[in-house]
C-alpha atoms as a PDB file:
ATOM      1  CA  MET A   1       3.151 -11.937 -14.756  1.00  0.00           C
ATOM      2  CA  ALA A   2       0.245 -12.676 -12.429  1.00  0.00           C
ATOM      3  CA  LEU A   3      -2.460 -12.590 -15.066  1.00  0.00           C
ATOM      4  CA  LEU A   4      -5.642 -12.485 -13.006  1.00  0.00           C
ATOM      5  CA  THR A   5      -8.225 -13.800 -15.421  1.00  0.00           C
ATOM      6  CA  ALA A   6     -11.944 -13.770 -14.970  1.00  0.00           C
ATOM      7  CA  ALA A   7     -11.815 -17.488 -14.281  1.00  0.00           C
ATOM      8  CA  LEU A   8      -9.750 -16.824 -11.177  1.00  0.00           C
ATOM      9  CA  LEU A   9     -12.383 -14.442  -9.895  1.00  0.00           C
ATOM     10  CA  ALA A  10     -15.185 -16.980 -10.309  1.00  0.00           C
ATOM     11  CA  LEU A  11     -16.358 -18.872  -7.258  1.00  0.00           C
ATOM     12  CA  GLY A  12     -14.744 -22.296  -7.200  1.00  0.00           C
ATOM     13  CA  SER A  13     -14.416 -25.385  -5.124  1.00  0.00           C
ATOM     14  CA  ALA A  14     -12.049 -25.553  -2.180  1.00  0.00           C
ATOM     15  CA  SER A  15      -9.730 -27.775  -4.185  1.00  0.00           C
ATOM     16  CA  ALA A  16      -9.198 -25.225  -6.953  1.00  0.00           C
ATOM     17  CA  LYS A  17      -5.630 -24.059  -7.438  1.00  0.00           C
ATOM     18  CA  PRO A  18      -4.961 -20.433  -8.413  1.00  0.00           C
ATOM     19  CA  ALA A  19      -2.296 -19.602 -10.935  1.00  0.00           C
ATOM     20  CA  SER A  20       0.972 -18.101  -9.744  1.00  0.00           C
ATOM     21  CA  GLY A  21       0.371 -14.508  -8.795  1.00  0.00           C
ATOM     22  CA  GLY A  22      -3.354 -15.165  -8.803  1.00  0.00           C
ATOM     23  CA  TYR A  23      -6.101 -15.868  -6.375  1.00  0.00           C
ATOM     24  CA  GLN A  24      -9.335 -17.813  -6.089  1.00  0.00           C
ATOM     25  CA  LEU A  25     -12.406 -16.459  -4.301  1.00  0.00           C
ATOM     26  CA  PHE A  26     -14.595 -18.797  -2.263  1.00  0.00           C
ATOM     27  CA  GLU A  27     -17.920 -18.523  -0.462  1.00  0.00           C
ATOM     28  CA  PRO A  28     -18.310 -15.887   2.295  1.00  0.00           C
ATOM     29  CA  ALA A  29     -16.578 -16.937   5.476  1.00  0.00           C
ATOM     30  CA  ALA A  30     -18.447 -16.828   8.776  1.00  0.00           C
ATOM     31  CA  LEU A  31     -15.689 -15.156  10.768  1.00  0.00           C
ATOM     32  CA  GLU A  32     -15.913 -12.400  13.343  1.00  0.00           C
ATOM     33  CA  HIS A  33     -13.341 -10.329  11.481  1.00  0.00           C
ATOM     34  CA  GLN A  34     -13.573 -10.152   7.708  1.00  0.00           C
ATOM     35  CA  LYS A  35      -9.876  -9.509   7.355  1.00  0.00           C
ATOM     36  CA  HIS A  36      -8.692 -12.294   9.635  1.00  0.00           C
ATOM     37  CA  ILE A  37      -5.515 -13.620   8.059  1.00  0.00           C
ATOM     38  CA  GLN A  38      -4.533 -17.245   7.767  1.00  0.00           C
ATOM     39  CA  LEU A  39      -1.118 -17.564   6.194  1.00  0.00           C
ATOM     40  CA  SER A  40      -0.215 -21.050   5.065  1.00  0.00           C
ATOM     41  CA  SER A  41       3.294 -22.431   5.324  1.00  0.00           C
ATOM     42  CA  LEU A  42       5.172 -19.131   5.526  1.00  0.00           C
ATOM     43  CA  GLY A  43       8.300 -20.129   7.399  1.00  0.00           C
ATOM     44  CA  ASN A  44      11.605 -18.436   8.105  1.00  0.00           C
ATOM     45  CA  PHE A  45      13.157 -17.408   4.793  1.00  0.00           C
ATOM     46  CA  ASP A  46      16.827 -16.933   4.095  1.00  0.00           C
ATOM     47  CA  TYR A  47      16.195 -15.331   0.727  1.00  0.00           C
ATOM     48  CA  PHE A  48      17.927 -12.005   0.293  1.00  0.00           C
ATOM     49  CA  ALA A  49      16.642  -9.736  -2.416  1.00  0.00           C
ATOM     50  CA  LYS A  50      19.367  -8.477  -4.723  1.00  0.00           C
ATOM     51  CA  ILE A  51      17.715  -5.084  -4.607  1.00  0.00           C
ATOM     52  CA  ALA A  52      17.738  -2.392  -1.937  1.00  0.00           C
ATOM     53  CA  SER A  53      15.965  -3.294   1.283  1.00  0.00           C
ATOM     54  CA  GLU A  54      13.866  -0.162   1.603  1.00  0.00           C
ATOM     55  CA  CYS A  55      10.394  -1.227   0.593  1.00  0.00           C
ATOM     56  CA  CYS A  56       6.691  -0.976   0.540  1.00  0.00           C
ATOM     57  CA  ASN A  57       5.802   2.024   2.691  1.00  0.00           C
ATOM     58  CA  ALA A  58       7.417   4.657   0.478  1.00  0.00           C
ATOM     59  CA  PRO A  59       5.062   7.156  -1.182  1.00  0.00           C
ATOM     60  CA  ASN A  60       6.110   5.984  -4.676  1.00  0.00           C
ATOM     61  CA  LYS A  61       5.686   9.431  -6.183  1.00  0.00           C
ATOM     62  CA  GLY A  62       8.944   9.779  -8.040  1.00  0.00           C
ATOM     63  CA  ALA A  63      11.566   7.684  -9.758  1.00  0.00           C
ATOM     64  CA  PHE A  64      11.519   3.913  -9.448  1.00  0.00           C
ATOM     65  CA  ARG A  65      14.388   1.711  -8.458  1.00  0.00           C
ATOM     66  CA  THR A  66      15.783  -0.340 -11.313  1.00  0.00           C
ATOM     67  CA  THR A  67      17.292  -3.822 -11.285  1.00  0.00           C
ATOM     68  CA  ASP A  68      19.429  -5.558 -13.867  1.00  0.00           C
ATOM     69  CA  ALA A  69      17.564  -6.717 -16.958  1.00  0.00           C
ATOM     70  CA  VAL A  70      16.126 -10.223 -17.152  1.00  0.00           C
ATOM     71  CA  GLY A  71      15.906 -12.359 -20.262  1.00  0.00           C
ATOM     72  CA  VAL A  72      12.563 -12.831 -21.990  1.00  0.00           C
ATOM     73  CA  THR A  73      11.843 -15.498 -24.568  1.00  0.00           C
ATOM     74  CA  GLY A  74       8.860 -16.559 -26.640  1.00  0.00           C
ATOM     75  CA  THR A  75       6.698 -15.002 -29.301  1.00  0.00           C
ATOM     76  CA  ARG A  76       3.285 -14.908 -27.623  1.00  0.00           C
ATOM     77  CA  ALA A  77       2.564 -12.360 -24.924  1.00  0.00           C
ATOM     78  CA  ILE A  78       1.739 -15.085 -22.410  1.00  0.00           C
ATOM     79  CA  ASP A  79       5.053 -16.843 -23.074  1.00  0.00           C
ATOM     80  CA  LYS A  80       6.976 -13.603 -22.618  1.00  0.00           C
ATOM     81  CA  ALA A  81       5.120 -12.857 -19.407  1.00  0.00           C
ATOM     82  CA  GLN A  82       5.866 -16.311 -17.986  1.00  0.00           C
ATOM     83  CA  SER A  83       9.507 -15.943 -18.967  1.00  0.00           C
ATOM     84  CA  TYR A  84       9.609 -12.528 -17.297  1.00  0.00           C
ATOM     85  CA  GLU A  85       8.108 -13.970 -14.123  1.00  0.00           C
ATOM     86  CA  THR A  86      10.813 -16.642 -14.071  1.00  0.00           C
ATOM     87  CA  GLY A  87      13.490 -13.969 -14.451  1.00  0.00           C
ATOM     88  CA  VAL A  88      12.051 -11.918 -11.598  1.00  0.00           C
ATOM     89  CA  ARG A  89      11.867 -14.992  -9.362  1.00  0.00           C
ATOM     90  CA  GLU A  90      15.559 -15.649  -9.990  1.00  0.00           C
ATOM     91  CA  ILE A  91      16.371 -12.256  -8.471  1.00  0.00           C
ATOM     92  CA  TYR A  92      15.144 -13.525  -5.126  1.00  0.00           C
ATOM     93  CA  GLY A  93      16.296 -17.137  -5.251  1.00  0.00           C
ATOM     94  CA  GLY A  94      12.867 -18.659  -5.791  1.00  0.00           C
ATOM     95  CA  ALA A  95      10.675 -19.650  -2.840  1.00  0.00           C
ATOM     96  CA  SER A  96       8.911 -23.006  -2.885  1.00  0.00           C
ATOM     97  CA  LEU A  97       5.286 -23.295  -3.996  1.00  0.00           C
ATOM     98  CA  SER A  98       4.146 -23.941  -0.426  1.00  0.00           C
ATOM     99  CA  ASP A  99       5.965 -20.855   0.820  1.00  0.00           C
ATOM    100  CA  ARG A 100       4.353 -18.748  -1.910  1.00  0.00           C
ATOM    101  CA  SER A 101       0.852 -19.993  -1.087  1.00  0.00           C
ATOM    102  CA  PHE A 102      -1.437 -18.029   1.188  1.00  0.00           C
ATOM    103  CA  THR A 103      -5.000 -17.844   2.435  1.00  0.00           C
ATOM    104  CA  VAL A 104      -6.660 -14.638   3.593  1.00  0.00           C
ATOM    105  CA  ILE A 105     -10.169 -13.440   4.368  1.00  0.00           C
ATOM    106  CA  PHE A 106     -10.876 -10.492   2.107  1.00  0.00           C
ATOM    107  CA  ASP A 107     -14.211  -8.649   1.957  1.00  0.00           C
ATOM    108  CA  GLY A 108     -15.843 -11.546   3.787  1.00  0.00           C
ATOM    109  CA  ARG A 109     -14.579 -14.243   1.467  1.00  0.00           C
ATOM    110  CA  ARG A 110     -11.740 -16.674   1.774  1.00  0.00           C
ATOM    111  CA  VAL A 111      -9.072 -16.101  -0.849  1.00  0.00           C
ATOM    112  CA  ASN A 112      -6.477 -18.728  -1.733  1.00  0.00           C
ATOM    113  CA  GLY A 113      -3.525 -17.378  -3.669  1.00  0.00           C
ATOM    114  CA  ILE A 114      -0.002 -18.027  -4.884  1.00  0.00           C
ATOM    115  CA  ALA A 115       2.431 -15.127  -5.147  1.00  0.00           C
ATOM    116  CA  ASP A 116       4.997 -15.116  -7.938  1.00  0.00           C
ATOM    117  CA  ASP A 117       7.617 -15.174  -5.191  1.00  0.00           C
ATOM    118  CA  VAL A 118       7.996 -14.322  -1.513  1.00  0.00           C
ATOM    119  CA  THR A 119      10.886 -12.692   0.310  1.00  0.00           C
ATOM    120  CA  VAL A 120      11.608 -11.190   3.717  1.00  0.00           C
ATOM    121  CA  ILE A 121      12.626  -7.549   3.897  1.00  0.00           C
ATOM    122  CA  ASN A 122      13.327  -5.862   7.216  1.00  0.00           C
ATOM    123  CA  GLY A 123      11.845  -8.880   8.961  1.00  0.00           C
ATOM    124  CA  ARG A 124       8.547  -8.679   7.079  1.00  0.00           C
ATOM    125  CA  THR A 125       7.239 -11.320   4.707  1.00  0.00           C
ATOM    126  CA  THR A 126       6.670  -9.623   1.347  1.00  0.00           C
ATOM    127  CA  ALA A 127       4.990 -10.844  -1.823  1.00  0.00           C
ATOM    128  CA  VAL A 128       6.805 -10.426  -5.128  1.00  0.00           C
ATOM    129  CA  ASP A 129       4.785  -9.991  -8.313  1.00  0.00           C
ATOM    130  CA  ALA A 130       5.867  -9.664 -11.950  1.00  0.00           C
ATOM    131  CA  LYS A 131       3.869  -7.392 -14.283  1.00  0.00           C
ATOM    132  CA  PHE A 132       5.147  -7.678 -17.833  1.00  0.00           C
ATOM    133  CA  THR A 133       3.653  -5.663 -20.661  1.00  0.00           C
ATOM    134  CA  ASP A 134       4.658  -6.050 -24.282  1.00  0.00           C
ATOM    135  CA  ASP A 135       2.919  -2.854 -25.394  1.00  0.00           C
ATOM    136  CA  TRP A 136       1.589  -0.480 -22.726  1.00  0.00           C
ATOM    137  CA  ALA A 137      -0.096   1.756 -25.302  1.00  0.00           C
ATOM    138  CA  ASN A 138      -2.353  -1.151 -26.262  1.00  0.00           C
ATOM    139  CA  SER A 139      -2.474  -2.993 -22.946  1.00  0.00           C
ATOM    140  CA  ILE A 140      -5.903  -3.706 -21.451  1.00  0.00           C
ATOM    141  CA  ARG A 141      -4.404  -2.670 -18.104  1.00  0.00           C
ATOM    142  CA  ASN A 142      -4.039   0.811 -19.588  1.00  0.00           C
ATOM    143  CA  PRO A 143      -7.375   2.681 -19.403  1.00  0.00           C
ATOM    144  CA  ASN A 144      -6.170   4.991 -22.188  1.00  0.00           C
ATOM    145  CA  SER A 145      -5.521   2.144 -24.626  1.00  0.00           C
ATOM    146  CA  PRO A 146      -7.925   1.594 -27.552  1.00  0.00           C
ATOM    147  CA  ASN A 147      -9.800  -1.079 -25.588  1.00  0.00           C
ATOM    148  CA  GLY A 148      -9.080   0.356 -22.154  1.00  0.00           C
ATOM    149  CA  THR A 149     -12.676   1.341 -21.407  1.00  0.00           C
ATOM    150  CA  ARG A 150     -14.228  -1.963 -22.482  1.00  0.00           C
ATOM    151  CA  SER A 151     -15.940  -3.833 -19.670  1.00  0.00           C
ATOM    152  CA  TRP A 152     -13.471  -6.723 -19.748  1.00  0.00           C
ATOM    153  CA  ALA A 153     -10.514  -4.318 -19.729  1.00  0.00           C
ATOM    154  CA  VAL A 154     -11.961  -2.353 -16.816  1.00  0.00           C
ATOM    155  CA  ALA A 155     -12.411  -5.663 -14.984  1.00  0.00           C
ATOM    156  CA  GLU A 156      -8.730  -6.478 -15.525  1.00  0.00           C
ATOM    157  CA  GLN A 157      -7.744  -3.041 -14.222  1.00  0.00           C
ATOM    158  CA  GLN A 158      -9.869  -3.599 -11.132  1.00  0.00           C
ATOM    159  CA  LYS A 159      -8.192  -6.963 -10.585  1.00  0.00           C
ATOM    160  CA  MET A 160      -4.888  -5.130 -10.289  1.00  0.00           C
ATOM    161  CA  VAL A 161      -6.316  -3.081  -7.425  1.00  0.00           C
ATOM    162  CA  ASP A 162      -7.952  -6.086  -5.771  1.00  0.00           C
ATOM    163  CA  GLN A 163      -4.715  -8.048  -5.941  1.00  0.00           C
ATOM    164  CA  ALA A 164      -2.786  -5.197  -4.309  1.00  0.00           C
ATOM    165  CA  ARG A 165      -5.338  -5.081  -1.494  1.00  0.00           C
ATOM    166  CA  ILE A 166      -5.135  -8.842  -1.032  1.00  0.00           C
ATOM    167  CA  TYR A 167      -1.333  -8.791  -0.896  1.00  0.00           C
ATOM    168  CA  SER A 168      -1.491  -5.939   1.606  1.00  0.00           C
ATOM    169  CA  GLU A 169      -3.751  -8.032   3.833  1.00  0.00           C
ATOM    170  CA  ALA A 170      -1.955 -11.347   3.398  1.00  0.00           C
ATOM    171  CA  PHE A 171       1.644 -10.168   3.823  1.00  0.00           C
ATOM    172  CA  ASP A 172       2.829  -7.807   6.524  1.00  0.00           C
ATOM    173  CA  GLY A 173       5.402  -6.439   4.071  1.00  0.00           C
ATOM    174  CA  GLY A 174       2.816  -5.933   1.331  1.00  0.00           C
ATOM    175  CA  ALA A 175       4.131  -6.479  -2.183  1.00  0.00           C
ATOM    176  CA  ILE A 176       6.946  -5.558  -4.510  1.00  0.00           C
ATOM    177  CA  TYR A 177       5.798  -5.266  -8.119  1.00  0.00           C
ATOM    178  CA  HIS A 178       8.400  -5.705 -10.852  1.00  0.00           C
ATOM    179  CA  THR A 179       7.535  -4.371 -14.281  1.00  0.00           C
ATOM    180  CA  ASN A 180       9.469  -3.781 -17.468  1.00  0.00           C
ATOM    181  CA  ASN A 181       7.430  -0.661 -18.229  1.00  0.00           C
ATOM    182  CA  PRO A 182       7.772   2.532 -16.132  1.00  0.00           C
ATOM    183  CA  ALA A 183       4.439   3.817 -17.497  1.00  0.00           C
ATOM    184  CA  LEU A 184       2.623   0.862 -15.913  1.00  0.00           C
ATOM    185  CA  ALA A 185       4.459   1.537 -12.649  1.00  0.00           C
ATOM    186  CA  GLN A 186       3.540   5.221 -12.726  1.00  0.00           C
ATOM    187  CA  HIS A 187      -0.099   4.571 -13.518  1.00  0.00           C
ATOM    188  CA  TYR A 188      -0.732   1.906 -10.893  1.00  0.00           C
ATOM    189  CA  THR A 189       1.277   3.721  -8.236  1.00  0.00           C
ATOM    190  CA  ARG A 190      -1.247   6.531  -8.615  1.00  0.00           C
ATOM    191  CA  VAL A 191      -4.205   4.142  -8.783  1.00  0.00           C
ATOM    192  CA  PHE A 192      -3.107   2.189  -5.694  1.00  0.00           C
ATOM    193  CA  ASN A 193      -2.477   5.367  -3.726  1.00  0.00           C
ATOM    194  CA  ASP A 194      -5.887   6.727  -4.737  1.00  0.00           C
ATOM    195  CA  ALA A 195      -7.418   3.452  -3.510  1.00  0.00           C
ATOM    196  CA  GLY A 196      -5.780   3.920  -0.115  1.00  0.00           C
ATOM    197  CA  ILE A 197      -3.168   1.193  -0.646  1.00  0.00           C
ATOM    198  CA  SER A 198       0.290   2.099   0.608  1.00  0.00           C
ATOM    199  CA  ASN A 199       1.985  -1.203   1.427  1.00  0.00           C
ATOM    200  CA  PHE A 200       3.608  -1.716  -1.975  1.00  0.00           C
ATOM    201  CA  GLU A 201       6.489  -0.708  -4.182  1.00  0.00           C
ATOM    202  CA  PHE A 202       7.041  -0.754  -7.928  1.00  0.00           C
ATOM    203  CA  VAL A 203      10.488  -1.653  -9.235  1.00  0.00           C
ATOM    204  CA  VAL A 204      11.498  -1.410 -12.883  1.00  0.00           C
ATOM    205  CA  THR A 205      13.136  -4.601 -14.161  1.00  0.00           C
ATOM    206  CA  PRO A 206      13.974  -4.194 -17.867  1.00  0.00           C
ATOM    207  CA  THR A 207      14.125  -7.032 -20.370  1.00  0.00           C
ATOM    208  CA  ARG A 208      16.915  -8.096 -22.655  1.00  0.00           C
END
């Protein structure tokens, strides 16, 4: 799900806790290297993804790998998204909250975050993120939707890019994005590539 709301982008206190799949920006850090990485509590995982191991450096220009469908419940979009996130996490076995937590210096600011899940692929720690959309044609993440050019929709689209950059910095394996909608995967594969981000992969996980 990883709904990165405007509240998560606001500057907060050091005790603030980001939502799963989200991040919290803090004051600029006085470090020699802006992108110095401080990973918190990322140990040796025994989780094995039930999907193919090739990941995250592929050009992502063609078809997407597909997993088995996951169940989605609820009537509100937020409930469906949370249910989808739970289903995606079950694919990997579900890392603990501490193992999913990370801290990274990004653009001169310390970022605390919690990935939806974390796995190890080819020896590299990799974030897992769930991106559910109930209606891509009307999604604010879709710039061609009726509200796609509104300032708050553009901000949400930019958060997608920022999150991908943060995952790329915080995890040596980058991120695997699961989505139920191939159109979202196609669009943000192009957007991420255009932004110079390559350490990611989109996987289509349908719903049932």
